[in-house]
Amino acid sequence: MINTSYSFWKPEWTLDGEHLVTIPTVSNFGDLGNLLTFPDFSLIAESSFWVIAVTLAVIGSIETLLSVDAADKMDSQKG
């Protein structure tokens, strides 16, 4: 809808077909299962999986703590 309106006002902003999202059509409830992709948990027993998972968790926690600290320093009313 927005892309169509751009063709009237700003034609150079209009996206062609290869850049637009194609939403699949589901004719019945059974077809919905074919569209879903489920994760592959086969590597959950590998140590490399857990090293990456713990690394991401630690980095996320550090980032959160640093953001809270930075926000506290910006508050001039904090007593």
N, C-alpha and C. Protein backbone atom coordinates (compact mmCIF):
# COMPACT_ATOMS: atom_id res chain seq x y z
N MET A 1 0.82 -1.18 0.00
CA MET A 1 0.00 0.00 0.00
C MET A 1 0.88 1.26 0.00
N ILE A 2 1.88 1.29 0.85
CA ILE A 2 2.78 2.44 0.89
C ILE A 2 3.60 2.50 -0.39
N ASN A 3 4.04 1.33 -0.85
CA ASN A 3 4.82 1.27 -2.09
C ASN A 3 4.00 1.79 -3.26
N THR A 4 2.71 1.49 -3.29
CA THR A 4 1.83 1.97 -4.36
C THR A 4 1.66 3.49 -4.29
N SER A 5 1.55 4.02 -3.09
CA SER A 5 1.42 5.47 -2.96
C SER A 5 2.71 6.18 -3.38
N TYR A 6 3.85 5.53 -3.16
CA TYR A 6 5.11 6.13 -3.62
C TYR A 6 5.15 6.26 -5.13
N SER A 7 4.48 5.36 -5.84
CA SER A 7 4.51 5.44 -7.30
C SER A 7 3.84 6.72 -7.80
N PHE A 8 2.96 7.32 -7.01
CA PHE A 8 2.32 8.57 -7.40
C PHE A 8 3.14 9.79 -6.99
N TRP A 9 3.70 9.78 -5.78
CA TRP A 9 4.37 10.96 -5.25
C TRP A 9 5.89 10.94 -5.48
N LYS A 10 6.50 9.81 -5.22
CA LYS A 10 7.96 9.70 -5.36
C LYS A 10 8.28 8.41 -6.12
N PRO A 11 8.16 8.40 -7.44
CA PRO A 11 8.38 7.16 -8.20
C PRO A 11 9.77 6.55 -8.00
N GLU A 12 10.77 7.37 -7.70
CA GLU A 12 12.12 6.83 -7.51
C GLU A 12 12.25 6.02 -6.22
N TRP A 13 11.29 6.16 -5.31
CA TRP A 13 11.29 5.41 -4.06
C TRP A 13 10.57 4.07 -4.19
N THR A 14 9.88 3.83 -5.27
CA THR A 14 9.09 2.61 -5.45
C THR A 14 10.01 1.40 -5.55
N LEU A 15 9.67 0.35 -4.82
CA LEU A 15 10.44 -0.89 -4.84
C LEU A 15 9.88 -1.82 -5.89
N ASP A 16 10.76 -2.55 -6.58
CA ASP A 16 10.27 -3.53 -7.53
C ASP A 16 10.10 -4.88 -6.84
N GLY A 17 9.59 -5.86 -7.56
CA GLY A 17 9.17 -7.14 -6.98
C GLY A 17 10.22 -7.89 -6.19
N GLU A 18 11.49 -7.83 -6.59
CA GLU A 18 12.51 -8.62 -5.89
C GLU A 18 12.81 -8.08 -4.49
N HIS A 19 12.41 -6.84 -4.20
CA HIS A 19 12.68 -6.24 -2.89
C HIS A 19 11.46 -6.24 -1.97
N LEU A 20 10.34 -6.72 -2.44
CA LEU A 20 9.13 -6.75 -1.64
C LEU A 20 9.01 -8.09 -0.93
N VAL A 21 8.36 -8.11 0.22
CA VAL A 21 8.14 -9.33 0.98
C VAL A 21 6.95 -10.07 0.38
N THR A 22 7.13 -11.36 0.14
CA THR A 22 6.05 -12.18 -0.37
C THR A 22 5.49 -13.00 0.77
N ILE A 23 4.23 -12.79 1.08
CA ILE A 23 3.58 -13.53 2.16
C ILE A 23 2.88 -14.74 1.55
N PRO A 24 3.25 -15.95 2.00
CA PRO A 24 2.64 -17.14 1.42
C PRO A 24 1.15 -17.24 1.75
N THR A 25 0.40 -17.84 0.84
CA THR A 25 -1.03 -18.01 1.02
C THR A 25 -1.30 -19.38 1.61
N VAL A 26 -2.12 -19.42 2.65
CA VAL A 26 -2.48 -20.69 3.30
C VAL A 26 -3.96 -20.94 2.99
N SER A 27 -4.21 -22.06 2.30
CA SER A 27 -5.60 -22.35 1.93
C SER A 27 -6.33 -23.14 3.01
N ASN A 28 -5.58 -23.91 3.82
CA ASN A 28 -6.22 -24.64 4.92
C ASN A 28 -5.25 -24.74 6.08
N PHE A 29 -5.74 -25.24 7.19
CA PHE A 29 -4.93 -25.31 8.41
C PHE A 29 -3.75 -26.27 8.26
N GLY A 30 -3.89 -27.29 7.46
CA GLY A 30 -2.81 -28.26 7.25
C GLY A 30 -1.61 -27.66 6.56
N ASP A 31 -1.83 -26.69 5.68
CA ASP A 31 -0.72 -26.04 4.98
C ASP A 31 0.13 -25.19 5.90
N LEU A 32 -0.44 -24.76 7.02
CA LEU A 32 0.28 -23.92 7.94
C LEU A 32 1.51 -24.63 8.52
N GLY A 33 1.40 -25.92 8.75
CA GLY A 33 2.53 -26.69 9.28
C GLY A 33 3.70 -26.73 8.34
N ASN A 34 3.46 -26.68 7.03
CA ASN A 34 4.55 -26.69 6.06
C ASN A 34 5.32 -25.37 6.03
N LEU A 35 4.72 -24.31 6.52
CA LEU A 35 5.37 -23.00 6.52
C LEU A 35 6.24 -22.76 7.75
N LEU A 36 6.04 -23.53 8.81
CA LEU A 36 6.79 -23.34 10.04
C LEU A 36 8.11 -24.10 9.99
N THR A 37 9.16 -23.48 10.48
CA THR A 37 10.47 -24.11 10.58
C THR A 37 10.81 -24.26 12.05
N PHE A 38 11.17 -25.45 12.45
CA PHE A 38 11.49 -25.71 13.85
C PHE A 38 13.00 -25.78 14.02
N PRO A 39 13.51 -25.37 15.17
CA PRO A 39 14.96 -25.38 15.39
C PRO A 39 15.52 -26.80 15.47
N ASP A 40 16.79 -26.90 15.13
CA ASP A 40 17.50 -28.18 15.19
C ASP A 40 18.29 -28.20 16.49
N PHE A 41 17.88 -29.07 17.42
CA PHE A 41 18.54 -29.14 18.73
C PHE A 41 19.59 -30.25 18.79
N SER A 42 20.09 -30.69 17.66
CA SER A 42 21.04 -31.81 17.65
C SER A 42 22.39 -31.44 18.27
N LEU A 43 22.74 -30.17 18.31
CA LEU A 43 24.04 -29.76 18.86
C LEU A 43 23.97 -29.37 20.33
N ILE A 44 22.85 -29.59 20.99
CA ILE A 44 22.70 -29.13 22.36
C ILE A 44 23.63 -29.89 23.33
N ALA A 45 24.06 -31.05 22.95
CA ALA A 45 24.96 -31.83 23.82
C ALA A 45 26.43 -31.49 23.58
N GLU A 46 26.73 -30.69 22.58
CA GLU A 46 28.11 -30.33 22.26
C GLU A 46 28.61 -29.22 23.18
N SER A 47 29.87 -29.29 23.56
CA SER A 47 30.43 -28.27 24.45
C SER A 47 30.56 -26.93 23.75
N SER A 48 30.82 -26.93 22.45
CA SER A 48 30.96 -25.67 21.73
C SER A 48 29.65 -24.88 21.74
N PHE A 49 28.52 -25.57 21.74
CA PHE A 49 27.21 -24.92 21.84
C PHE A 49 27.10 -24.17 23.16
N TRP A 50 27.49 -24.82 24.25
CA TRP A 50 27.36 -24.21 25.57
C TRP A 50 28.36 -23.08 25.78
N VAL A 51 29.54 -23.17 25.18
CA VAL A 51 30.51 -22.08 25.27
C VAL A 51 29.92 -20.82 24.62
N ILE A 52 29.33 -20.99 23.46
CA ILE A 52 28.73 -19.85 22.76
C ILE A 52 27.53 -19.32 23.54
N ALA A 53 26.68 -20.21 24.05
CA ALA A 53 25.48 -19.79 24.80
C ALA A 53 25.86 -19.01 26.05
N VAL A 54 26.84 -19.49 26.80
CA VAL A 54 27.26 -18.80 28.02
C VAL A 54 27.94 -17.48 27.68
N THR A 55 28.73 -17.47 26.61
CA THR A 55 29.38 -16.23 26.19
C THR A 55 28.35 -15.16 25.84
N LEU A 56 27.32 -15.53 25.09
CA LEU A 56 26.27 -14.57 24.75
C LEU A 56 25.52 -14.10 25.99
N ALA A 57 25.27 -15.00 26.92
CA ALA A 57 24.57 -14.62 28.15
C ALA A 57 25.40 -13.65 28.98
N VAL A 58 26.69 -13.88 29.09
CA VAL A 58 27.57 -13.00 29.87
C VAL A 58 27.67 -11.63 29.20
N ILE A 59 27.86 -11.62 27.88
CA ILE A 59 27.95 -10.34 27.17
C ILE A 59 26.65 -9.56 27.31
N GLY A 60 25.51 -10.24 27.20
CA GLY A 60 24.23 -9.57 27.37
C GLY A 60 24.05 -9.00 28.76
N SER A 61 24.49 -9.74 29.77
CA SER A 61 24.37 -9.26 31.14
C SER A 61 25.27 -8.06 31.40
N ILE A 62 26.49 -8.11 30.89
CA ILE A 62 27.42 -6.99 31.05
C ILE A 62 26.86 -5.75 30.35
N GLU A 63 26.33 -5.94 29.14
CA GLU A 63 25.76 -4.80 28.40
C GLU A 63 24.60 -4.18 29.17
N THR A 64 23.76 -5.00 29.78
CA THR A 64 22.64 -4.49 30.56
C THR A 64 23.12 -3.71 31.77
N LEU A 65 24.08 -4.24 32.48
CA LEU A 65 24.61 -3.55 33.66
C LEU A 65 25.27 -2.22 33.29
N LEU A 66 26.00 -2.20 32.16
CA LEU A 66 26.63 -0.96 31.72
C LEU A 66 25.58 0.07 31.30
N SER A 67 24.49 -0.39 30.69
CA SER A 67 23.42 0.53 30.30
C SER A 67 22.73 1.14 31.52
N VAL A 68 22.51 0.33 32.54
CA VAL A 68 21.89 0.83 33.77
C VAL A 68 22.82 1.84 34.44
N ASP A 69 24.10 1.54 34.46
CA ASP A 69 25.07 2.45 35.07
C ASP A 69 25.12 3.77 34.30
N ALA A 70 25.11 3.71 32.98
CA ALA A 70 25.13 4.93 32.17
C ALA A 70 23.85 5.74 32.38
N ALA A 71 22.70 5.07 32.45
CA ALA A 71 21.44 5.78 32.67
C ALA A 71 21.42 6.43 34.05
N ASP A 72 21.98 5.77 35.07
CA ASP A 72 22.05 6.36 36.41
C ASP A 72 22.94 7.61 36.42
N LYS A 73 23.99 7.60 35.64
CA LYS A 73 24.88 8.77 35.61
C LYS A 73 24.25 9.95 34.88
N MET A 74 23.29 9.68 34.00
CA MET A 74 22.62 10.77 33.28
C MET A 74 21.57 11.47 34.13
N ASP A 75 21.10 10.83 35.18
CA ASP A 75 20.04 11.38 36.03
C ASP A 75 20.64 12.40 37.00
N SER A 76 20.42 13.68 36.73
CA SER A 76 21.00 14.72 37.57
C SER A 76 20.21 14.89 38.88
N GLN A 77 18.98 14.41 38.96
CA GLN A 77 18.14 14.53 40.15
C GLN A 77 18.40 13.43 41.16
N LYS A 78 19.19 12.43 40.79
CA LYS A 78 19.40 11.29 41.69
C LYS A 78 20.20 11.77 42.91
N GLY A 79 19.70 11.41 44.07
CA GLY A 79 20.32 11.90 45.29
C GLY A 79 21.18 10.91 45.88
